């Protein structure tokens, strides 16, 4: 994975600016997002009683890391205009971008 694998689902420039370029903070935020995504995913099912709360939580977290497309899909799901499958797809896309970004940063640190 490398920068070429980043689809644009996450605005890393936004996150880098918000964290004032502190790579340690960025890594911690992205790790927390990934850990939380593992908890949210099972809740993104129409049969789960907490799916609305999960979508709302994902929306806020997504916007916080710069995953704007995911945040928008979550908003549409809250408004009844998008399905939970669309939310899961957008979450997966954001997670793939995050994985590619983290991989690229790890390679940069090795070149150091």
PDB file of N, CA and C in Angstrom:
ATOM      1  N   UNK A   1       0.837  -1.187   0.000  1.00  0.00           N
ATOM      2  CA  UNK A   1       0.000   0.000   0.000  1.00  0.00           C
ATOM      3  C   UNK A   1       0.872   1.237   0.000  1.00  0.00           C
ATOM      4  N   UNK A   2       0.401   2.233  -0.679  1.00  0.00           N
ATOM      5  CA  UNK A   2       1.130   3.497  -0.742  1.00  0.00           C
ATOM      6  C   UNK A   2       0.135   4.603  -1.031  1.00  0.00           C
ATOM      7  N   UNK A   3       0.641   5.807  -1.146  1.00  0.00           N
ATOM      8  CA  UNK A   3      -0.225   6.960  -1.392  1.00  0.00           C
ATOM      9  C   UNK A   3      -1.105   6.743  -2.617  1.00  0.00           C
ATOM     10  N   UNK A   4      -0.620   6.015  -3.599  1.00  0.00           N
ATOM     11  CA  UNK A   4      -1.426   5.764  -4.804  1.00  0.00           C
ATOM     12  C   UNK A   4      -2.687   4.965  -4.481  1.00  0.00           C
ATOM     13  N   UNK A   5      -2.697   4.277  -3.324  1.00  0.00           N
ATOM     14  CA  UNK A   5      -3.855   3.490  -2.918  1.00  0.00           C
ATOM     15  C   UNK A   5      -4.902   4.325  -2.178  1.00  0.00           C
ATOM     16  N   UNK A   6      -4.573   5.562  -1.906  1.00  0.00           N
ATOM     17  CA  UNK A   6      -5.503   6.432  -1.186  1.00  0.00           C
ATOM     18  C   UNK A   6      -6.533   6.969  -2.174  1.00  0.00           C
ATOM     19  N   UNK A   7      -7.801   6.734  -1.877  1.00  0.00           N
ATOM     20  CA  UNK A   7      -8.879   7.084  -2.807  1.00  0.00           C
ATOM     21  C   UNK A   7      -9.381   8.513  -2.651  1.00  0.00           C
ATOM     22  N   UNK A   8      -9.056   9.141  -1.542  1.00  0.00           N
ATOM     23  CA  UNK A   8      -9.582  10.475  -1.271  1.00  0.00           C
ATOM     24  C   UNK A   8     -10.757  10.449  -0.312  1.00  0.00           C
ATOM     25  N   UNK A   9     -11.072   9.268   0.218  1.00  0.00           N
ATOM     26  CA  UNK A   9     -12.185   9.150   1.159  1.00  0.00           C
ATOM     27  C   UNK A   9     -11.889   9.859   2.475  1.00  0.00           C
ATOM     28  N   UNK A  10     -10.605  10.049   2.768  1.00  0.00           N
ATOM     29  CA  UNK A  10     -10.197  10.763   3.976  1.00  0.00           C
ATOM     30  C   UNK A  10      -9.307  11.927   3.558  1.00  0.00           C
ATOM     31  N   UNK A  11      -9.609  13.101   4.084  1.00  0.00           N
ATOM     32  CA  UNK A  11      -8.817  14.295   3.818  1.00  0.00           C
ATOM     33  C   UNK A  11      -7.704  14.366   4.865  1.00  0.00           C
ATOM     34  N   UNK A  12      -6.585  13.742   4.552  1.00  0.00           N
ATOM     35  CA  UNK A  12      -5.491  13.690   5.507  1.00  0.00           C
ATOM     36  C   UNK A  12      -4.855  15.060   5.731  1.00  0.00           C
ATOM     37  N   UNK A  13      -4.932  15.948   4.763  1.00  0.00           N
ATOM     38  CA  UNK A  13      -4.425  17.305   4.959  1.00  0.00           C
ATOM     39  C   UNK A  13      -5.207  17.998   6.077  1.00  0.00           C
ATOM     40  N   UNK A  14      -6.521  17.763   6.118  1.00  0.00           N
ATOM     41  CA  UNK A  14      -7.338  18.317   7.200  1.00  0.00           C
ATOM     42  C   UNK A  14      -6.857  17.779   8.546  1.00  0.00           C
ATOM     43  N   UNK A  15      -6.691  16.463   8.631  1.00  0.00           N
ATOM     44  CA  UNK A  15      -6.268  15.838   9.876  1.00  0.00           C
ATOM     45  C   UNK A  15      -4.876  16.320  10.285  1.00  0.00           C
ATOM     46  N   UNK A  16      -3.969  16.395   9.335  1.00  0.00           N
ATOM     47  CA  UNK A  16      -2.614  16.867   9.628  1.00  0.00           C
ATOM     48  C   UNK A  16      -2.635  18.310  10.127  1.00  0.00           C
ATOM     49  N   UNK A  17      -3.479  19.138   9.520  1.00  0.00           N
ATOM     50  CA  UNK A  17      -3.597  20.521   9.960  1.00  0.00           C
ATOM     51  C   UNK A  17      -4.199  20.622  11.346  1.00  0.00           C
ATOM     52  N   UNK A  18      -5.235  19.828  11.585  1.00  0.00           N
ATOM     53  CA  UNK A  18      -5.906  19.833  12.883  1.00  0.00           C
ATOM     54  C   UNK A  18      -4.939  19.403  13.987  1.00  0.00           C
ATOM     55  N   UNK A  19      -4.089  18.423  13.680  1.00  0.00           N
ATOM     56  CA  UNK A  19      -3.116  17.909  14.646  1.00  0.00           C
ATOM     57  C   UNK A  19      -1.817  18.710  14.609  1.00  0.00           C
ATOM     58  N   UNK A  20      -1.793  19.779  13.846  1.00  0.00           N
ATOM     59  CA  UNK A  20      -0.625  20.649  13.696  1.00  0.00           C
ATOM     60  C   UNK A  20       0.627  19.850  13.309  1.00  0.00           C
ATOM     61  N   UNK A  21       0.402  18.845  12.445  1.00  0.00           N
ATOM     62  CA  UNK A  21       1.514  18.067  11.908  1.00  0.00           C
ATOM     63  C   UNK A  21       2.133  17.078  12.880  1.00  0.00           C
ATOM     64  N   UNK A  22       1.574  16.946  14.057  1.00  0.00           N
ATOM     65  CA  UNK A  22       2.120  16.022  15.056  1.00  0.00           C
ATOM     66  C   UNK A  22       1.756  14.591  14.668  1.00  0.00           C
ATOM     67  N   UNK A  23       2.726  13.884  14.110  1.00  0.00           N
ATOM     68  CA  UNK A  23       2.470  12.542  13.584  1.00  0.00           C
ATOM     69  C   UNK A  23       2.036  11.571  14.679  1.00  0.00           C
ATOM     70  N   UNK A  24       2.517  11.771  15.888  1.00  0.00           N
ATOM     71  CA  UNK A  24       2.115  10.897  16.996  1.00  0.00           C
ATOM     72  C   UNK A  24       0.625  11.049  17.270  1.00  0.00           C
ATOM     73  N   UNK A  25       0.146  12.273  17.287  1.00  0.00           N
ATOM     74  CA  UNK A  25      -1.282  12.524  17.510  1.00  0.00           C
ATOM     75  C   UNK A  25      -2.097  11.929  16.368  1.00  0.00           C
ATOM     76  N   UNK A  26      -1.643  12.148  15.142  1.00  0.00           N
ATOM     77  CA  UNK A  26      -2.358  11.616  13.975  1.00  0.00           C
ATOM     78  C   UNK A  26      -2.458  10.104  14.060  1.00  0.00           C
ATOM     79  N   UNK A  27      -1.363   9.439  14.383  1.00  0.00           N
ATOM     80  CA  UNK A  27      -1.364   7.980  14.489  1.00  0.00           C
ATOM     81  C   UNK A  27      -2.321   7.511  15.588  1.00  0.00           C
ATOM     82  N   UNK A  28      -2.342   8.212  16.712  1.00  0.00           N
ATOM     83  CA  UNK A  28      -3.234   7.831  17.817  1.00  0.00           C
ATOM     84  C   UNK A  28      -4.698   8.004  17.421  1.00  0.00           C
ATOM     85  N   UNK A  29      -5.001   9.104  16.756  1.00  0.00           N
ATOM     86  CA  UNK A  29      -6.377   9.366  16.328  1.00  0.00           C
ATOM     87  C   UNK A  29      -6.835   8.304  15.333  1.00  0.00           C
ATOM     88  N   UNK A  30      -5.983   7.987  14.372  1.00  0.00           N
ATOM     89  CA  UNK A  30      -6.349   6.988  13.371  1.00  0.00           C
ATOM     90  C   UNK A  30      -6.464   5.594  13.978  1.00  0.00           C
ATOM     91  N   UNK A  31      -5.595   5.273  14.929  1.00  0.00           N
ATOM     92  CA  UNK A  31      -5.686   3.971  15.601  1.00  0.00           C
ATOM     93  C   UNK A  31      -6.992   3.875  16.386  1.00  0.00           C
ATOM     94  N   UNK A  32      -7.358   4.943  17.062  1.00  0.00           N
ATOM     95  CA  UNK A  32      -8.614   4.951  17.811  1.00  0.00           C
ATOM     96  C   UNK A  32      -9.807   4.808  16.864  1.00  0.00           C
ATOM     97  N   UNK A  33      -9.758   5.506  15.729  1.00  0.00           N
ATOM     98  CA  UNK A  33     -10.839   5.397  14.746  1.00  0.00           C
ATOM     99  C   UNK A  33     -10.984   3.953  14.281  1.00  0.00           C
ATOM    100  N   UNK A  34      -9.859   3.299  13.980  1.00  0.00           N
ATOM    101  CA  UNK A  34      -9.914   1.912  13.513  1.00  0.00           C
ATOM    102  C   UNK A  34     -10.447   0.976  14.593  1.00  0.00           C
ATOM    103  N   UNK A  35     -10.026   1.186  15.834  1.00  0.00           N
ATOM    104  CA  UNK A  35     -10.524   0.350  16.930  1.00  0.00           C
ATOM    105  C   UNK A  35     -12.027   0.533  17.106  1.00  0.00           C
ATOM    106  N   UNK A  36     -12.469   1.775  17.051  1.00  0.00           N
ATOM    107  CA  UNK A  36     -13.890   2.056  17.209  1.00  0.00           C
ATOM    108  C   UNK A  36     -14.698   1.489  16.039  1.00  0.00           C
ATOM    109  N   UNK A  37     -14.135   1.522  14.853  1.00  0.00           N
ATOM    110  CA  UNK A  37     -14.838   0.987  13.679  1.00  0.00           C
ATOM    111  C   UNK A  37     -15.169  -0.488  13.880  1.00  0.00           C
ATOM    112  N   UNK A  38     -14.278  -1.206  14.532  1.00  0.00           N
ATOM    113  CA  UNK A  38     -14.536  -2.623  14.805  1.00  0.00           C
ATOM    114  C   UNK A  38     -15.746  -2.789  15.733  1.00  0.00           C
ATOM    115  N   UNK A  39     -15.960  -1.823  16.606  1.00  0.00           N
ATOM    116  CA  UNK A  39     -17.118  -1.868  17.502  1.00  0.00           C
ATOM    117  C   UNK A  39     -18.390  -1.407  16.807  1.00  0.00           C
ATOM    118  N   UNK A  40     -18.270  -0.426  15.927  1.00  0.00           N
ATOM    119  CA  UNK A  40     -19.443   0.121  15.241  1.00  0.00           C
ATOM    120  C   UNK A  40     -20.018  -0.847  14.215  1.00  0.00           C
ATOM    121  N   UNK A  41     -19.149  -1.533  13.498  1.00  0.00           N
ATOM    122  CA  UNK A  41     -19.584  -2.343  12.361  1.00  0.00           C
ATOM    123  C   UNK A  41     -20.721  -3.311  12.690  1.00  0.00           C
ATOM    124  N   UNK A  42     -20.642  -4.078  13.780  1.00  0.00           N
ATOM    125  CA  UNK A  42     -21.760  -4.992  14.073  1.00  0.00           C
ATOM    126  C   UNK A  42     -23.075  -4.253  14.366  1.00  0.00           C
ATOM    127  N   UNK A  43     -22.977  -3.004  14.774  1.00  0.00           N
ATOM    128  CA  UNK A  43     -24.178  -2.234  15.083  1.00  0.00           C
ATOM    129  C   UNK A  43     -24.833  -1.651  13.834  1.00  0.00           C
ATOM    130  N   UNK A  44     -24.116  -1.661  12.719  1.00  0.00           N
ATOM    131  CA  UNK A  44     -24.643  -1.084  11.476  1.00  0.00           C
ATOM    132  C   UNK A  44     -25.495  -2.106  10.746  1.00  0.00           C
ATOM    133  N   UNK A  45     -26.491  -2.564  11.439  1.00  0.00           N
ATOM    134  CA  UNK A  45     -27.427  -3.559  10.937  1.00  0.00           C
ATOM    135  C   UNK A  45     -28.819  -3.082  11.319  1.00  0.00           C
ATOM    136  N   UNK A  46     -29.761  -3.082  10.374  1.00  0.00           N
ATOM    137  CA  UNK A  46     -31.098  -2.561  10.692  1.00  0.00           C
ATOM    138  C   UNK A  46     -31.791  -3.306  11.831  1.00  0.00           C
ATOM    139  N   UNK A  47     -31.356  -4.527  12.123  1.00  0.00           N
ATOM    140  CA  UNK A  47     -31.948  -5.291  13.209  1.00  0.00           C
ATOM    141  C   UNK A  47     -31.361  -4.962  14.573  1.00  0.00           C
ATOM    142  N   UNK A  48     -30.268  -4.224  14.572  1.00  0.00           N
ATOM    143  CA  UNK A  48     -29.632  -3.865  15.845  1.00  0.00           C
ATOM    144  C   UNK A  48     -30.349  -2.653  16.439  1.00  0.00           C
ATOM    145  N   UNK A  49     -30.739  -2.714  17.709  1.00  0.00           N
ATOM    146  CA  UNK A  49     -31.500  -1.601  18.285  1.00  0.00           C
ATOM    147  C   UNK A  49     -30.705  -0.297  18.394  1.00  0.00           C
ATOM    148  N   UNK A  50     -29.383  -0.371  18.351  1.00  0.00           N
ATOM    149  CA  UNK A  50     -28.577   0.835  18.484  1.00  0.00           C
ATOM    150  C   UNK A  50     -28.007   1.365  17.182  1.00  0.00           C
ATOM    151  N   UNK A  51     -28.558   0.933  16.048  1.00  0.00           N
ATOM    152  CA  UNK A  51     -27.945   1.327  14.768  1.00  0.00           C
ATOM    153  C   UNK A  51     -27.985   2.836  14.562  1.00  0.00           C
ATOM    154  N   UNK A  52     -29.038   3.494  14.983  1.00  0.00           N
ATOM    155  CA  UNK A  52     -29.111   4.953  14.784  1.00  0.00           C
ATOM    156  C   UNK A  52     -28.031   5.670  15.591  1.00  0.00           C
ATOM    157  N   UNK A  53     -27.833   5.231  16.832  1.00  0.00           N
ATOM    158  CA  UNK A  53     -26.774   5.821  17.653  1.00  0.00           C
ATOM    159  C   UNK A  53     -25.406   5.557  17.038  1.00  0.00           C
ATOM    160  N   UNK A  54     -25.219   4.354  16.504  1.00  0.00           N
ATOM    161  CA  UNK A  54     -23.942   4.009  15.868  1.00  0.00           C
ATOM    162  C   UNK A  54     -23.682   4.902  14.663  1.00  0.00           C
ATOM    163  N   UNK A  55     -24.692   5.097  13.834  1.00  0.00           N
ATOM    164  CA  UNK A  55     -24.530   5.946  12.649  1.00  0.00           C
ATOM    165  C   UNK A  55     -24.179   7.371  13.068  1.00  0.00           C
ATOM    166  N   UNK A  56     -24.835   7.863  14.093  1.00  0.00           N
ATOM    167  CA  UNK A  56     -24.561   9.218  14.570  1.00  0.00           C
ATOM    168  C   UNK A  56     -23.123   9.331  15.101  1.00  0.00           C
ATOM    169  N   UNK A  57     -22.685   8.308  15.822  1.00  0.00           N
ATOM    170  CA  UNK A  57     -21.328   8.297  16.357  1.00  0.00           C
ATOM    171  C   UNK A  57     -20.299   8.227  15.236  1.00  0.00           C
ATOM    172  N   UNK A  58     -20.551   7.362  14.265  1.00  0.00           N
ATOM    173  CA  UNK A  58     -19.647   7.244  13.123  1.00  0.00           C
ATOM    174  C   UNK A  58     -19.562   8.582  12.397  1.00  0.00           C
ATOM    175  N   UNK A  59     -20.683   9.245  12.241  1.00  0.00           N
ATOM    176  CA  UNK A  59     -20.708  10.541  11.540  1.00  0.00           C
ATOM    177  C   UNK A  59     -19.764  11.536  12.212  1.00  0.00           C
ATOM    178  N   UNK A  60     -19.863  11.656  13.519  1.00  0.00           N
ATOM    179  CA  UNK A  60     -19.002  12.600  14.236  1.00  0.00           C
ATOM    180  C   UNK A  60     -17.537  12.226  14.166  1.00  0.00           C
ATOM    181  N   UNK A  61     -17.249  10.960  14.351  1.00  0.00           N
ATOM    182  CA  UNK A  61     -15.864  10.499  14.296  1.00  0.00           C
ATOM    183  C   UNK A  61     -15.288  10.673  12.899  1.00  0.00           C
ATOM    184  N   UNK A  62     -16.100  10.379  11.890  1.00  0.00           N
ATOM    185  CA  UNK A  62     -15.650  10.515  10.498  1.00  0.00           C
ATOM    186  C   UNK A  62     -15.282  11.960  10.190  1.00  0.00           C
ATOM    187  N   UNK A  63     -16.134  12.855  10.576  1.00  0.00           N
ATOM    188  CA  UNK A  63     -15.853  14.274  10.321  1.00  0.00           C
ATOM    189  C   UNK A  63     -14.622  14.730  11.087  1.00  0.00           C
ATOM    190  N   UNK A  64     -14.393  14.150  12.254  1.00  0.00           N
ATOM    191  CA  UNK A  64     -13.230  14.511  13.056  1.00  0.00           C
ATOM    192  C   UNK A  64     -11.908  14.117  12.428  1.00  0.00           C
ATOM    193  N   UNK A  65     -11.898  13.030  11.655  1.00  0.00           N
ATOM    194  CA  UNK A  65     -10.645  12.594  11.020  1.00  0.00           C
ATOM    195  C   UNK A  65     -10.544  13.048   9.568  1.00  0.00           C
ATOM    196  N   UNK A  66     -11.576  13.696   9.064  1.00  0.00           N
ATOM    197  CA  UNK A  66     -11.540  14.156   7.678  1.00  0.00           C
ATOM    198  C   UNK A  66     -12.167  13.195   6.688  1.00  0.00           C
ATOM    199  N   UNK A  67     -12.920  12.208   7.182  1.00  0.00           N
ATOM    200  CA  UNK A  67     -13.611  11.258   6.296  1.00  0.00           C
ATOM    201  C   UNK A  67     -14.978  11.847   5.954  1.00  0.00           C
ATOM    202  N   UNK A  68     -14.952  12.896   5.162  1.00  0.00           N
ATOM    203  CA  UNK A  68     -16.156  13.678   4.886  1.00  0.00           C
ATOM    204  C   UNK A  68     -17.227  12.906   4.132  1.00  0.00           C
ATOM    205  N   UNK A  69     -16.823  12.074   3.184  1.00  0.00           N
ATOM    206  CA  UNK A  69     -17.813  11.291   2.435  1.00  0.00           C
ATOM    207  C   UNK A  69     -18.548  10.339   3.368  1.00  0.00           C
ATOM    208  N   UNK A  70     -17.830   9.733   4.290  1.00  0.00           N
ATOM    209  CA  UNK A  70     -18.460   8.854   5.273  1.00  0.00           C
ATOM    210  C   UNK A  70     -19.420   9.645   6.157  1.00  0.00           C
ATOM    211  N   UNK A  71     -18.993  10.815   6.590  1.00  0.00           N
ATOM    212  CA  UNK A  71     -19.868  11.655   7.397  1.00  0.00           C
ATOM    213  C   UNK A  71     -21.149  12.020   6.670  1.00  0.00           C
ATOM    214  N   UNK A  72     -21.030  12.295   5.374  1.00  0.00           N
ATOM    215  CA  UNK A  72     -22.215  12.653   4.588  1.00  0.00           C
ATOM    216  C   UNK A  72     -23.158  11.465   4.407  1.00  0.00           C
ATOM    217  N   UNK A  73     -22.596  10.284   4.168  1.00  0.00           N
ATOM    218  CA  UNK A  73     -23.434   9.092   4.027  1.00  0.00           C
ATOM    219  C   UNK A  73     -24.157   8.820   5.348  1.00  0.00           C
ATOM    220  N   UNK A  74     -23.468   9.008   6.453  1.00  0.00           N
ATOM    221  CA  UNK A  74     -24.106   8.817   7.758  1.00  0.00           C
ATOM    222  C   UNK A  74     -25.250   9.805   7.947  1.00  0.00           C
ATOM    223  N   UNK A  75     -25.030  11.051   7.547  1.00  0.00           N
ATOM    224  CA  UNK A  75     -26.102  12.053   7.658  1.00  0.00           C
ATOM    225  C   UNK A  75     -27.305  11.631   6.814  1.00  0.00           C
ATOM    226  N   UNK A  76     -27.041  11.158   5.608  1.00  0.00           N
ATOM    227  CA  UNK A  76     -28.137  10.707   4.753  1.00  0.00           C
ATOM    228  C   UNK A  76     -28.852   9.493   5.346  1.00  0.00           C
ATOM    229  N   UNK A  77     -28.096   8.603   5.999  1.00  0.00           N
ATOM    230  CA  UNK A  77     -28.720   7.443   6.648  1.00  0.00           C
ATOM    231  C   UNK A  77     -29.601   7.899   7.810  1.00  0.00           C
ATOM    232  N   UNK A  78     -29.136   8.881   8.549  1.00  0.00           N
ATOM    233  CA  UNK A  78     -29.952   9.431   9.641  1.00  0.00           C
ATOM    234  C   UNK A  78     -31.236  10.050   9.107  1.00  0.00           C
ATOM    235  N   UNK A  79     -31.140  10.629   7.920  1.00  0.00           N
ATOM    236  CA  UNK A  79     -32.297  11.267   7.289  1.00  0.00           C
ATOM    237  C   UNK A  79     -33.165  10.282   6.502  1.00  0.00           C
ATOM    238  N   UNK A  80     -32.784   9.009   6.492  1.00  0.00           N
ATOM    239  CA  UNK A  80     -33.545   7.994   5.774  1.00  0.00           C
ATOM    240  C   UNK A  80     -33.295   7.987   4.279  1.00  0.00           C
ATOM    241  N   UNK A  81     -32.204   8.603   3.841  1.00  0.00           N
ATOM    242  CA  UNK A  81     -31.913   8.707   2.409  1.00  0.00           C
ATOM    243  C   UNK A  81     -30.752   7.825   1.956  1.00  0.00           C
ATOM    244  N   UNK A  82     -30.166   7.075   2.889  1.00  0.00           N
ATOM    245  CA  UNK A  82     -29.079   6.144   2.550  1.00  0.00           C
ATOM    246  C   UNK A  82     -29.245   4.901   3.408  1.00  0.00           C
ATOM    247  N   UNK A  83     -28.780   3.796   2.886  1.00  0.00           N
ATOM    248  CA  UNK A  83     -28.897   2.527   3.608  1.00  0.00           C
ATOM    249  C   UNK A  83     -27.684   2.306   4.515  1.00  0.00           C
ATOM    250  N   UNK A  84     -27.830   1.382   5.424  1.00  0.00           N
ATOM    251  CA  UNK A  84     -26.704   1.020   6.279  1.00  0.00           C
ATOM    252  C   UNK A  84     -25.614   0.329   5.472  1.00  0.00           C
ATOM    253  N   UNK A  85     -25.985  -0.345   4.391  1.00  0.00           N
ATOM    254  CA  UNK A  85     -24.964  -0.924   3.508  1.00  0.00           C
ATOM    255  C   UNK A  85     -24.091   0.172   2.910  1.00  0.00           C
ATOM    256  N   UNK A  86     -24.701   1.303   2.559  1.00  0.00           N
ATOM    257  CA  UNK A  86     -23.918   2.428   2.038  1.00  0.00           C
ATOM    258  C   UNK A  86     -22.982   2.974   3.110  1.00  0.00           C
ATOM    259  N   UNK A  87     -23.444   3.017   4.346  1.00  0.00           N
ATOM    260  CA  UNK A  87     -22.594   3.464   5.450  1.00  0.00           C
ATOM    261  C   UNK A  87     -21.423   2.506   5.610  1.00  0.00           C
ATOM    262  N   UNK A  88     -21.697   1.197   5.603  1.00  0.00           N
ATOM    263  CA  UNK A  88     -20.629   0.208   5.767  1.00  0.00           C
ATOM    264  C   UNK A  88     -19.611   0.291   4.630  1.00  0.00           C
ATOM    265  N   UNK A  89     -20.099   0.497   3.415  1.00  0.00           N
ATOM    266  CA  UNK A  89     -19.185   0.624   2.277  1.00  0.00           C
ATOM    267  C   UNK A  89     -18.298   1.853   2.427  1.00  0.00           C
ATOM    268  N   UNK A  90     -18.894   2.975   2.821  1.00  0.00           N
ATOM    269  CA  UNK A  90     -18.115   4.204   3.015  1.00  0.00           C
ATOM    270  C   UNK A  90     -17.122   4.049   4.166  1.00  0.00           C
ATOM    271  N   UNK A  91     -17.523   3.342   5.219  1.00  0.00           N
ATOM    272  CA  UNK A  91     -16.616   3.092   6.343  1.00  0.00           C
ATOM    273  C   UNK A  91     -15.448   2.227   5.885  1.00  0.00           C
ATOM    274  N   UNK A  92     -15.727   1.189   5.118  1.00  0.00           N
ATOM    275  CA  UNK A  92     -14.658   0.330   4.597  1.00  0.00           C
ATOM    276  C   UNK A  92     -13.690   1.115   3.718  1.00  0.00           C
ATOM    277  N   UNK A  93     -14.228   1.998   2.895  1.00  0.00           N
ATOM    278  CA  UNK A  93     -13.383   2.812   2.015  1.00  0.00           C
ATOM    279  C   UNK A  93     -12.489   3.733   2.834  1.00  0.00           C
ATOM    280  N   UNK A  94     -13.053   4.345   3.862  1.00  0.00           N
ATOM    281  CA  UNK A  94     -12.259   5.221   4.731  1.00  0.00           C
ATOM    282  C   UNK A  94     -11.174   4.409   5.441  1.00  0.00           C
ATOM    283  N   UNK A  95     -11.511   3.215   5.906  1.00  0.00           N
ATOM    284  CA  UNK A  95     -10.525   2.372   6.582  1.00  0.00           C
ATOM    285  C   UNK A  95      -9.401   1.942   5.649  1.00  0.00           C
ATOM    286  N   UNK A  96      -9.725   1.696   4.387  1.00  0.00           N
ATOM    287  CA  UNK A  96      -8.677   1.369   3.408  1.00  0.00           C
ATOM    288  C   UNK A  96      -7.744   2.547   3.192  1.00  0.00           C
ATOM    289  N   UNK A  97      -8.307   3.749   3.109  1.00  0.00           N
ATOM    290  CA  UNK A  97      -7.475   4.946   2.969  1.00  0.00           C
ATOM    291  C   UNK A  97      -6.574   5.119   4.191  1.00  0.00           C
ATOM    292  N   UNK A  98      -7.130   4.902   5.364  1.00  0.00           N
ATOM    293  CA  UNK A  98      -6.356   5.031   6.592  1.00  0.00           C
ATOM    294  C   UNK A  98      -5.219   4.013   6.612  1.00  0.00           C
ATOM    295  N   UNK A  99      -5.498   2.790   6.208  1.00  0.00           N
ATOM    296  CA  UNK A  99      -4.458   1.761   6.158  1.00  0.00           C
ATOM    297  C   UNK A  99      -3.337   2.159   5.205  1.00  0.00           C
ATOM    298  N   UNK A 100      -3.694   2.697   4.048  1.00  0.00           N
ATOM    299  CA  UNK A 100      -2.681   3.116   3.078  1.00  0.00           C
ATOM    300  C   UNK A 100      -1.859   4.283   3.623  1.00  0.00           C
ATOM    301  N   UNK A 101      -2.510   5.225   4.278  1.00  0.00           N
ATOM    302  CA  UNK A 101      -1.817   6.378   4.859  1.00  0.00           C
ATOM    303  C   UNK A 101      -0.851   5.925   5.951  1.00  0.00           C
ATOM    304  N   UNK A 102      -1.317   5.071   6.858  1.00  0.00           N
ATOM    305  CA  UNK A 102      -0.479   4.579   7.957  1.00  0.00           C
ATOM    306  C   UNK A 102       0.712   3.807   7.398  1.00  0.00           C
ATOM    307  N   UNK A 103       0.466   3.007   6.374  1.00  0.00           N
ATOM    308  CA  UNK A 103       1.550   2.252   5.748  1.00  0.00           C
ATOM    309  C   UNK A 103       2.594   3.203   5.155  1.00  0.00           C
ATOM    310  N   UNK A 104       2.126   4.211   4.473  1.00  0.00           N
ATOM    311  CA  UNK A 104       3.044   5.183   3.880  1.00  0.00           C
ATOM    312  C   UNK A 104       3.866   5.893   4.955  1.00  0.00           C
ATOM    313  N   UNK A 105       3.232   6.255   6.049  1.00  0.00           N
ATOM    314  CA  UNK A 105       3.951   6.925   7.130  1.00  0.00           C
ATOM    315  C   UNK A 105       4.989   6.000   7.749  1.00  0.00           C
ATOM    316  N   UNK A 106       4.667   4.727   7.873  1.00  0.00           N
ATOM    317  CA  UNK A 106       5.621   3.760   8.414  1.00  0.00           C
ATOM    318  C   UNK A 106       6.839   3.626   7.494  1.00  0.00           C
ATOM    319  N   UNK A 107       6.583   3.602   6.187  1.00  0.00           N
ATOM    320  CA  UNK A 107       7.706   3.527   5.237  1.00  0.00           C
ATOM    321  C   UNK A 107       8.586   4.770   5.319  1.00  0.00           C
ATOM    322  N   UNK A 108       7.959   5.923   5.463  1.00  0.00           N
ATOM    323  CA  UNK A 108       8.723   7.175   5.590  1.00  0.00           C
ATOM    324  C   UNK A 108       9.605   7.151   6.830  1.00  0.00           C
ATOM    325  N   UNK A 109       9.089   6.617   7.924  1.00  0.00           N
ATOM    326  CA  UNK A 109       9.869   6.585   9.160  1.00  0.00           C
ATOM    327  C   UNK A 109      11.070   5.662   9.024  1.00  0.00           C
ATOM    328  N   UNK A 110      10.956   4.626   8.195  1.00  0.00           N
ATOM    329  CA  UNK A 110      12.091   3.726   7.974  1.00  0.00           C
ATOM    330  C   UNK A 110      13.189   4.396   7.164  1.00  0.00           C
ATOM    331  N   UNK A 111      12.778   5.290   6.261  1.00  0.00           N
ATOM    332  CA  UNK A 111      13.741   5.989   5.418  1.00  0.00           C
ATOM    333  C   UNK A 111      14.460   7.083   6.201  1.00  0.00           C
ATOM    334  N   UNK A 112      13.796   7.529   7.238  1.00  0.00           N
ATOM    335  CA  UNK A 112      14.146   8.540   8.079  1.00  0.00           C
ATOM    336  C   UNK A 112      15.173   9.402   8.278  1.00  0.00           C
TER     337      UNK A 112
END
